[in-house]
Amino acid sequence: MLKAALIGAGRRGMFAYGSYALKRPDEIQFVAIAEPNEEKRRLFAEQHGIPSERQYASWEQLLDQPQLCEVLLICTMDREHYAPAMRALDHGYHILLEKPMSPDPLETLQIAEKAEQLNRILTICHVSRYDSYYIALKAALDSGAIGRLMNVQWTENVAYWHQAHSFVRGNWRNSRESSPMILQKCCHDMDLLQSFIGGRCLEVSSFGKLSYFTRTNAPEGSTDRCTDGCAVEHECPFSAIKQYYNTNPRGFSAAVSLTPTLEARMQALKEGPYGRCVYRCDNDVVDHQVVNLLFDNEVTVAFTMSAFSYENVRTFKFMGTAGEIRGHHGKNEIEINQFSGRKETIRPPRFEGGHSGADFLTMRDFVKQANSKELKGRTSAMESARSHLIAFAAEHSRVTGRTWKLDEYIAELKSAAR
C-alpha cells in the first residue's frame, strides 16, 4: 500500500484527493498532515487516523522530518507551492502538485527542471487531462476524423456565481495574493489546447479587463456586506445569503464554514470574506479576457474566458480540412460533422468524483504511477510547465499590449534572472 502525506487540507486536499484514500484504503493511506488551520488539520487527521505526532501546523515542520513516506500531495495556495515542492523533491518525495505550479514563470520552470534532474515523479493536477470527455475528444482529433486541424474556438464559461465565489470574494480574487486569473483558472485550458493541437505554441496575444466587479458598479442601497441590510440583496444574483446560507458540506458553502449549520454559515457571512458585496471587495483579477495563439503546425486558436455566463462549462469548436468537432462539456456530447455529410455524436462514460470524475481518475493514475515508479504519466512536468508559460505570456501580453513570441518571452525571463 502506498503511504502519503498531505500539505494543505483545503477543499482540494480534503475532498478532491483525500476522499480517494477513504474509498480506496487498500491503495493509499495518508500518514501525515501539514495544515495551519487547526480545524481543518484535526478534521483531516480524524478522517484518516493520523496520530498527533504526525500532525503539523506548517509544511516546514513536516519537511523538517526525515522522509515519512513515498509520496507527498501539495494542495496549498498558489504562492505556497514552490518552496515546499523544491524542498520535498530534495527529500526524495514523489509529488502530486496542485495547479498552478507557481505564480512565477521562472519558479515554474525550476520546479520542472529539478524533478527531471532528480528523477522524481511530479504530476501537476491538470485534472482535465484525466477527464474521459477530453480523452475521447483527443482520440477523435488524433483519428483524423476532421482531417488536418486548422483552427480552434475555445470558451471557458466561468459562470457568474463561480466568478463571484472564487475570483471576487474568494482565494483567487487578487493576483498579488494568488496568481493572474488566466493562469489560475485557465492553465487547464492551455494544457488541453497544447495536448489537442500537438505542436509548440509560437506566439501569444491577449486582451482583458476587470470591468464589472468594481465599486463604481455598486447599486444604490448596497452595503459592504450582504448581511448589513442591503436594500437590493433580495434581487441581487450575487447575494451571499442566496449562495451560501445552506448546509451543503461539499459545495462552496464548505469554504465559508466547515461546520455545516445555518448558524455557523450566517456567522461566517457576517465576519468572513464570503459575506462581502461583490462590488466592494479587494479583487483585481480580470472578469473577461481573450487570448490568440499560433502554433508551429499553423493551427490558430481564439480563446475566450468570461465571468458573464450562466453555465460553468467549457464549449469549443475544432475546424479541420475535412470537418468540424463541436462540444459542450456539460452535455457530455462531442459532435463530429464531416464535410462528406457523415455525422457522429460521442457520449463518453462518466466516473465518480469531482470534475466529472477527473479528480478520482487523477488520483488513481498517480497511485499507479507512484507504485510503478514511471516518471511520466499522462503528461510530464515540463509539458505542464510549458502550458503554464503560455498563460504567463498571455497575461504579459494583456498588461504590455504586445504580441509575444513564446521562446523570446522565455529567453527574456531567463536573461532578467541572471
Protein backbone atom coordinates (compact mmCIF):
# COMPACT_ATOMS: atom_id res chain seq x y z
CA MET A 1 0.00 0.00 0.00
CA LEU A 2 1.24 3.47 -0.91
CA LYS A 3 1.87 5.82 2.04
CA ALA A 4 1.26 9.54 1.54
CA ALA A 5 1.42 12.90 3.30
CA LEU A 6 -0.69 15.97 2.58
CA ILE A 7 0.32 19.61 2.76
CA GLY A 8 -2.77 21.82 2.68
CA ALA A 9 -6.15 20.43 3.79
CA GLY A 10 -8.33 22.86 1.90
CA ARG A 11 -11.22 21.95 -0.37
CA ARG A 12 -8.97 20.26 -2.95
CA GLY A 13 -6.76 18.38 -0.49
CA MET A 14 -9.60 17.41 1.84
CA PHE A 15 -12.31 16.40 -0.61
CA ALA A 16 -10.88 16.00 -4.13
CA TYR A 17 -7.88 13.85 -3.23
CA GLY A 18 -8.15 12.89 0.43
CA SER A 19 -11.52 11.24 -0.19
CA TYR A 20 -9.89 8.83 -2.64
CA ALA A 21 -7.94 7.23 0.19
CA LEU A 22 -11.11 6.86 2.27
CA LYS A 23 -12.78 4.99 -0.58
CA ARG A 24 -9.67 3.02 -1.62
CA PRO A 25 -7.87 2.27 1.68
CA ASP A 26 -6.18 -0.76 0.12
CA GLU A 27 -4.38 1.50 -2.41
CA ILE A 28 -3.20 4.56 -0.46
CA GLN A 29 -3.05 5.72 3.16
CA PHE A 30 -2.33 9.21 4.48
CA VAL A 31 0.13 9.06 7.38
CA ALA A 32 0.88 12.78 7.93
CA ILE A 33 -0.81 16.15 7.51
CA ALA A 34 0.51 19.72 7.49
CA GLU A 35 -2.15 22.42 7.71
CA PRO A 36 -2.04 25.76 9.61
CA ASN A 37 -5.81 25.83 10.21
CA GLU A 38 -6.36 23.73 13.35
CA GLU A 39 -9.96 22.83 12.50
CA LYS A 40 -9.04 21.56 9.03
CA ARG A 41 -5.94 19.78 10.32
CA ARG A 42 -7.91 18.00 13.05
CA LEU A 43 -10.73 17.02 10.68
CA PHE A 44 -8.37 15.52 8.10
CA ALA A 45 -6.41 13.69 10.79
CA GLU A 46 -9.60 12.22 12.24
CA GLN A 47 -10.80 11.07 8.83
CA HIS A 48 -7.54 9.29 8.06
CA GLY A 49 -6.49 8.10 11.51
CA ILE A 50 -3.31 10.19 11.60
CA PRO A 51 -1.67 10.23 15.06
CA SER A 52 -0.98 13.54 16.81
CA GLU A 53 2.79 13.28 16.32
CA ARG A 54 2.26 13.30 12.55
CA GLN A 55 0.05 16.40 12.55
CA TYR A 56 1.98 19.56 11.70
CA ALA A 57 0.98 23.21 11.72
CA SER A 58 3.23 24.06 8.76
CA TRP A 59 4.81 22.41 5.77
CA GLU A 60 8.22 23.37 7.15
CA GLN A 61 7.60 21.24 10.24
CA LEU A 62 6.64 18.26 8.11
CA LEU A 63 9.65 18.60 5.83
CA ASP A 64 11.99 19.07 8.80
CA GLN A 65 11.37 15.36 9.48
CA PRO A 66 13.18 12.53 7.71
CA GLN A 67 11.21 11.32 4.69
CA LEU A 68 7.94 9.99 6.14
CA CYS A 69 6.50 8.15 3.14
CA GLU A 70 6.79 7.71 -0.63
CA VAL A 71 4.55 10.48 -1.94
CA LEU A 72 3.53 13.98 -0.99
CA LEU A 73 0.46 15.92 -2.10
CA ILE A 74 0.88 19.71 -2.10
CA CYS A 75 -2.50 21.45 -2.10
CA THR A 76 -1.59 24.81 -0.59
CA MET A 77 -2.41 28.23 -2.01
CA ASP A 78 -0.68 29.22 -5.25
CA ARG A 79 2.18 31.17 -3.69
CA GLU A 80 2.96 28.30 -1.33
CA HIS A 81 3.72 25.71 -4.00
CA TYR A 82 7.30 26.47 -4.98
CA ALA A 83 9.15 26.30 -1.67
CA PRO A 84 7.63 23.04 -0.35
CA ALA A 85 7.85 21.42 -3.79
CA MET A 86 11.55 22.20 -4.21
CA ARG A 87 12.38 21.02 -0.70
CA ALA A 88 10.25 17.88 -0.99
CA LEU A 89 11.98 16.93 -4.25
CA ASP A 90 15.32 17.15 -2.45
CA HIS A 91 13.90 14.97 0.35
CA GLY A 92 13.07 12.20 -2.12
CA TYR A 93 9.31 12.54 -2.35
CA HIS A 94 7.32 11.90 -5.49
CA ILE A 95 4.79 14.73 -5.73
CA LEU A 96 1.23 15.46 -6.79
CA LEU A 97 1.15 19.26 -7.03
CA GLU A 98 -1.95 21.40 -7.33
CA LYS A 99 -2.01 23.86 -10.20
CA PRO A 100 -0.69 26.36 -10.89
CA MET A 101 2.83 25.14 -10.25
CA SER A 102 3.77 28.66 -9.18
CA PRO A 103 2.53 32.19 -9.92
CA ASP A 104 6.09 32.96 -11.04
CA PRO A 105 7.16 31.71 -14.50
CA LEU A 106 10.81 31.12 -13.56
CA GLU A 107 9.81 29.16 -10.46
CA THR A 108 7.53 27.06 -12.65
CA LEU A 109 10.45 26.13 -14.89
CA GLN A 110 12.72 25.47 -11.91
CA ILE A 111 10.29 23.01 -10.31
CA ALA A 112 10.00 21.04 -13.57
CA GLU A 113 13.76 21.09 -14.16
CA LYS A 114 14.53 19.88 -10.63
CA ALA A 115 12.06 17.00 -10.92
CA GLU A 116 13.73 15.91 -14.16
CA GLN A 117 17.24 16.22 -12.71
CA LEU A 118 16.37 14.14 -9.63
CA ASN A 119 14.22 11.59 -11.50
CA ARG A 120 11.19 12.32 -9.32
CA ILE A 121 7.56 11.93 -10.30
CA LEU A 122 5.97 15.37 -10.45
CA THR A 123 2.35 15.22 -11.53
CA ILE A 124 0.53 18.53 -11.85
CA CYS A 125 -3.20 18.46 -11.12
CA HIS A 126 -4.28 19.24 -14.67
CA VAL A 127 -7.31 17.13 -13.86
CA SER A 128 -8.95 17.74 -17.25
CA ARG A 129 -6.24 15.53 -18.79
CA TYR A 130 -7.86 12.64 -16.92
CA ASP A 131 -11.44 13.53 -17.82
CA SER A 132 -12.96 10.81 -20.01
CA TYR A 133 -14.67 13.54 -22.05
CA TYR A 134 -11.41 15.19 -23.11
CA ILE A 135 -9.71 11.83 -23.59
CA ALA A 136 -12.46 10.98 -26.10
CA LEU A 137 -12.07 14.38 -27.78
CA LYS A 138 -8.33 13.87 -28.22
CA ALA A 139 -8.93 10.39 -29.64
CA ALA A 140 -11.34 11.86 -32.21
CA LEU A 141 -8.83 14.53 -33.23
CA ASP A 142 -5.95 12.05 -33.42
CA SER A 143 -8.05 9.70 -35.57
CA GLY A 144 -8.11 12.27 -38.37
CA ALA A 145 -11.91 12.49 -38.30
CA ILE A 146 -11.81 16.13 -39.40
CA GLY A 147 -8.62 15.95 -41.47
CA ARG A 148 -5.82 18.39 -40.71
CA LEU A 149 -6.70 20.67 -37.82
CA MET A 150 -6.66 24.34 -38.83
CA ASN A 151 -8.18 26.45 -36.08
CA VAL A 152 -9.93 26.26 -32.70
CA GLN A 153 -12.58 28.31 -30.92
CA TRP A 154 -12.50 27.55 -27.19
CA THR A 155 -14.53 29.21 -24.44
CA GLU A 156 -14.10 28.96 -20.69
CA ASN A 157 -17.54 29.94 -19.39
CA VAL A 158 -16.65 30.72 -15.79
CA ALA A 159 -20.28 31.43 -14.71
CA TYR A 160 -21.40 34.49 -12.80
CA TRP A 161 -21.69 32.62 -9.45
CA HIS A 162 -18.28 30.91 -9.76
CA GLN A 163 -16.62 34.22 -10.59
CA ALA A 164 -18.23 35.78 -7.51
CA HIS A 165 -17.15 32.94 -5.24
CA SER A 166 -13.59 32.25 -6.37
CA PHE A 167 -12.39 35.38 -8.17
CA VAL A 168 -14.21 38.23 -6.44
CA ARG A 169 -14.72 37.16 -2.81
CA GLY A 170 -12.51 34.10 -2.65
CA ASN A 171 -8.93 32.90 -2.52
CA TRP A 172 -8.06 33.79 -6.13
CA ARG A 173 -9.55 37.28 -6.27
CA ASN A 174 -6.25 39.15 -6.02
CA SER A 175 -3.24 38.39 -8.22
CA ARG A 176 -0.80 39.72 -5.62
CA GLU A 177 -2.02 37.10 -3.16
CA SER A 178 -2.54 34.23 -5.60
CA SER A 179 -1.98 34.48 -9.37
CA PRO A 180 -3.47 36.05 -12.51
CA MET A 181 -6.82 34.59 -13.45
CA ILE A 182 -5.65 33.41 -16.88
CA LEU A 183 -3.10 31.25 -15.04
CA GLN A 184 -5.16 30.12 -12.06
CA LYS A 185 -8.36 29.31 -13.92
CA CYS A 186 -7.14 28.68 -17.45
CA CYS A 187 -3.84 26.80 -17.19
CA HIS A 188 -6.16 23.78 -17.60
CA ASP A 189 -7.32 25.19 -20.92
CA MET A 190 -3.81 25.97 -22.16
CA ASP A 191 -2.72 22.48 -21.17
CA LEU A 192 -5.62 20.87 -23.03
CA LEU A 193 -5.13 23.01 -26.14
CA GLN A 194 -1.42 22.20 -26.21
CA SER A 195 -2.26 18.49 -25.99
CA PHE A 196 -5.02 18.56 -28.62
CA ILE A 197 -3.08 20.63 -31.14
CA GLY A 198 0.12 18.66 -30.78
CA GLY A 199 2.55 21.39 -31.77
CA ARG A 200 4.52 24.05 -29.95
CA CYS A 201 2.94 27.42 -29.28
CA LEU A 202 4.90 30.16 -31.08
CA GLU A 203 3.04 33.44 -30.49
CA VAL A 204 0.59 34.80 -27.93
CA SER A 205 -1.55 37.94 -27.74
CA SER A 206 -4.24 38.83 -25.22
CA PHE A 207 -6.72 41.49 -24.10
CA GLY A 208 -8.81 41.59 -20.94
CA LYS A 209 -10.15 43.80 -18.17
CA LEU A 210 -11.80 43.89 -14.77
CA SER A 211 -14.86 45.81 -15.89
CA TYR A 212 -17.85 44.91 -13.75
CA PHE A 213 -16.98 43.74 -10.24
CA THR A 214 -15.84 47.18 -9.05
CA ARG A 215 -17.13 49.83 -6.63
CA THR A 216 -18.28 52.05 -9.48
CA ASN A 217 -20.93 49.46 -10.34
CA ALA A 218 -22.27 49.02 -6.81
CA PRO A 219 -26.08 49.51 -6.87
CA GLU A 220 -27.64 52.30 -4.87
CA GLY A 221 -28.63 50.99 -1.45
CA SER A 222 -25.99 48.25 -1.39
CA THR A 223 -23.80 47.76 1.68
CA ASP A 224 -20.32 46.40 2.37
CA ARG A 225 -21.83 43.03 3.32
CA CYS A 226 -24.93 41.26 2.13
CA THR A 227 -25.90 40.82 5.79
CA ASP A 228 -25.73 44.56 6.60
CA GLY A 229 -29.28 45.36 5.50
CA CYS A 230 -28.52 45.75 1.79
CA ALA A 231 -31.56 47.24 0.06
CA VAL A 232 -31.05 45.19 -3.11
CA GLU A 233 -29.87 41.88 -1.61
CA HIS A 234 -33.15 40.09 -2.31
CA GLU A 235 -32.87 40.77 -6.06
CA CYS A 236 -29.08 40.55 -6.46
CA PRO A 237 -27.90 37.39 -8.29
CA PHE A 238 -24.62 37.58 -6.37
CA SER A 239 -26.20 37.60 -2.91
CA ALA A 240 -24.02 35.75 -0.42
CA ILE A 241 -27.12 34.76 1.54
CA LYS A 242 -28.59 33.08 -1.54
CA GLN A 243 -25.34 31.34 -2.42
CA TYR A 244 -24.10 30.18 0.97
CA TYR A 245 -26.92 30.06 3.50
CA ASN A 246 -27.35 26.29 3.29
CA THR A 247 -25.85 23.17 4.85
CA ASN A 248 -24.29 21.52 1.82
CA PRO A 249 -20.99 20.13 3.25
CA ARG A 250 -19.29 19.70 -0.11
CA GLY A 251 -20.44 22.68 -2.09
CA PHE A 252 -18.94 26.14 -1.98
CA SER A 253 -20.58 26.55 1.42
CA ALA A 254 -17.81 24.39 2.90
CA ALA A 255 -15.36 27.16 2.00
CA VAL A 256 -17.35 29.55 4.16
CA SER A 257 -17.52 27.31 7.23
CA LEU A 258 -16.61 23.69 7.83
CA THR A 259 -19.37 23.49 10.44
CA PRO A 260 -22.47 22.54 8.41
CA THR A 261 -25.06 24.51 10.36
CA LEU A 262 -27.03 27.56 9.32
CA GLU A 263 -25.86 29.41 12.41
CA ALA A 264 -22.21 28.83 11.51
CA ARG A 265 -22.83 29.86 7.92
CA MET A 266 -24.50 33.12 8.92
CA GLN A 267 -21.78 33.98 11.41
CA ALA A 268 -19.16 33.38 8.72
CA LEU A 269 -21.01 35.63 6.28
CA LYS A 270 -21.11 38.40 8.87
CA GLU A 271 -17.40 38.14 9.67
CA GLY A 272 -15.55 36.41 6.83
CA PRO A 273 -14.67 37.25 3.22
CA TYR A 274 -17.57 35.43 1.58
CA GLY A 275 -20.21 37.75 3.00
CA ARG A 276 -18.82 40.81 1.23
CA CYS A 277 -20.62 42.68 -1.52
CA VAL A 278 -19.14 41.65 -4.88
CA TYR A 279 -18.80 45.30 -5.85
CA ARG A 280 -16.83 46.19 -2.70
CA CYS A 281 -14.06 43.59 -2.49
CA ASP A 282 -10.29 43.86 -2.93
CA ASN A 283 -10.33 41.86 -6.17
CA ASP A 284 -8.09 42.85 -9.07
CA VAL A 285 -8.21 39.87 -11.47
CA VAL A 286 -9.99 40.24 -14.81
CA ASP A 287 -13.61 39.26 -15.34
CA HIS A 288 -13.21 38.74 -19.10
CA GLN A 289 -10.20 38.00 -21.31
CA VAL A 290 -9.40 36.78 -24.82
CA VAL A 291 -6.21 35.07 -25.99
CA ASN A 292 -4.98 34.36 -29.52
CA LEU A 293 -2.42 31.60 -30.10
CA LEU A 294 -0.34 30.50 -33.10
CA PHE A 295 1.28 27.04 -33.12
CA ASP A 296 4.19 25.79 -35.18
CA ASN A 297 1.88 23.48 -37.19
CA GLU A 298 -0.01 26.63 -38.29
CA VAL A 299 -3.04 25.96 -36.08
CA THR A 300 -4.60 29.15 -34.68
CA VAL A 301 -6.66 29.43 -31.50
CA ALA A 302 -9.23 32.01 -30.39
CA PHE A 303 -9.74 31.54 -26.65
CA THR A 304 -12.32 33.37 -24.54
CA MET A 305 -12.74 33.39 -20.78
CA SER A 306 -15.77 35.16 -19.34
CA ALA A 307 -17.46 35.57 -15.98
CA PHE A 308 -20.64 36.59 -17.78
CA SER A 309 -22.13 33.19 -18.48
CA TYR A 310 -24.97 31.26 -16.90
CA GLU A 311 -23.29 27.87 -17.07
CA ASN A 312 -19.92 26.89 -15.66
CA VAL A 313 -18.75 24.88 -18.65
CA ARG A 314 -16.24 24.67 -21.48
CA THR A 315 -17.50 24.84 -25.05
CA PHE A 316 -15.50 24.54 -28.25
CA LYS A 317 -15.29 24.07 -31.99
CA PHE A 318 -12.34 22.45 -33.77
CA MET A 319 -12.23 23.12 -37.50
CA GLY A 320 -10.28 20.93 -39.90
CA THR A 321 -9.89 20.33 -43.61
CA ALA A 322 -12.47 17.52 -43.59
CA GLY A 323 -14.97 18.65 -40.97
CA GLU A 324 -15.53 20.11 -37.54
CA ILE A 325 -15.94 18.92 -33.96
CA ARG A 326 -18.23 20.79 -31.59
CA GLY A 327 -18.60 20.18 -27.89
CA HIS A 328 -20.35 21.23 -24.71
CA HIS A 329 -18.77 19.54 -21.71
CA GLY A 330 -21.86 19.94 -19.55
CA LYS A 331 -24.00 17.99 -22.01
CA ASN A 332 -21.31 15.27 -22.29
CA GLU A 333 -21.61 15.31 -26.08
CA ILE A 334 -18.96 15.55 -28.80
CA GLU A 335 -20.43 16.20 -32.25
CA ILE A 336 -18.38 15.26 -35.31
CA ASN A 337 -19.66 16.82 -38.54
CA GLN A 338 -17.72 15.79 -41.63
CA PHE A 339 -17.94 17.68 -44.90
CA SER A 340 -18.93 14.40 -46.59
CA GLY A 341 -22.21 14.54 -44.69
CA ARG A 342 -21.35 11.89 -42.12
CA LYS A 343 -22.28 12.86 -38.55
CA GLU A 344 -21.48 11.21 -35.23
CA THR A 345 -22.19 12.04 -31.61
CA ILE A 346 -19.95 10.63 -28.89
CA ARG A 347 -21.08 10.43 -25.26
CA PRO A 348 -18.09 9.39 -23.15
CA PRO A 349 -18.56 7.43 -19.90
CA ARG A 350 -18.57 9.36 -16.66
CA PHE A 351 -16.95 8.44 -13.36
CA GLU A 352 -17.50 9.24 -9.70
CA GLY A 353 -15.95 12.30 -8.12
CA GLY A 354 -15.45 16.00 -8.80
CA HIS A 355 -14.73 17.49 -12.22
CA SER A 356 -16.82 14.75 -13.87
CA GLY A 357 -14.73 12.08 -12.18
CA ALA A 358 -11.40 13.60 -13.21
CA ASP A 359 -10.34 14.20 -9.59
CA PHE A 360 -10.82 10.49 -8.89
CA LEU A 361 -9.01 9.45 -12.08
CA THR A 362 -6.12 11.83 -11.36
CA MET A 363 -5.57 10.14 -8.01
CA ARG A 364 -5.99 6.68 -9.49
CA ASP A 365 -3.35 7.33 -12.13
CA PHE A 366 -0.98 8.98 -9.66
CA VAL A 367 -1.19 5.99 -7.31
CA LYS A 368 -0.45 3.62 -10.21
CA GLN A 369 2.39 5.84 -11.40
CA ALA A 370 3.96 6.06 -7.95
CA ASN A 371 3.76 2.30 -7.46
CA SER A 372 5.39 1.64 -10.85
CA LYS A 373 7.92 4.50 -10.46
CA GLU A 374 7.08 5.57 -14.03
CA LEU A 375 8.33 9.16 -14.28
CA LYS A 376 5.91 10.33 -16.98
CA GLY A 377 2.20 9.77 -16.58
CA ARG A 378 -0.45 11.29 -18.81
CA THR A 379 1.77 14.35 -19.07
CA SER A 380 5.23 15.39 -17.90
CA ALA A 381 6.27 18.14 -15.51
CA MET A 382 7.99 20.01 -18.35
CA GLU A 383 4.90 19.79 -20.57
CA SER A 384 2.87 21.23 -17.72
CA ALA A 385 5.42 23.99 -17.25
CA ARG A 386 5.25 24.96 -20.92
CA SER A 387 1.45 25.16 -20.86
CA HIS A 388 1.78 27.41 -17.79
CA LEU A 389 4.17 29.61 -19.76
CA ILE A 390 1.53 30.12 -22.45
CA ALA A 391 -0.74 31.54 -19.74
CA PHE A 392 2.08 33.68 -18.32
CA ALA A 393 2.83 35.06 -21.78
CA ALA A 394 -0.86 35.80 -22.31
CA GLU A 395 -1.00 37.81 -19.11
CA HIS A 396 2.19 39.63 -20.05
CA SER A 397 0.65 40.45 -23.44
CA ARG A 398 -2.52 41.74 -21.76
CA VAL A 399 -0.50 44.03 -19.50
CA THR A 400 2.02 45.25 -22.08
CA GLY A 401 -0.24 45.38 -25.13
CA ARG A 402 2.32 43.39 -27.15
CA THR A 403 2.18 40.15 -29.08
CA TRP A 404 4.87 37.86 -27.70
CA LYS A 405 6.85 35.09 -29.35
CA LEU A 406 6.83 32.47 -26.62
CA ASP A 407 10.50 31.48 -26.94
CA GLU A 408 11.54 35.16 -26.80
CA TYR A 409 9.38 35.65 -23.72
CA ILE A 410 11.07 32.68 -22.01
CA ALA A 411 14.52 33.91 -23.05
CA GLU A 412 13.78 37.36 -21.59
CA LEU A 413 12.68 35.75 -18.32
CA LYS A 414 15.91 33.79 -18.03
CA SER A 415 18.04 36.78 -19.03
CA ALA A 416 16.40 39.01 -16.41
CA ALA A 417 17.07 36.40 -13.72
CA ARG A 418 20.82 36.24 -14.39
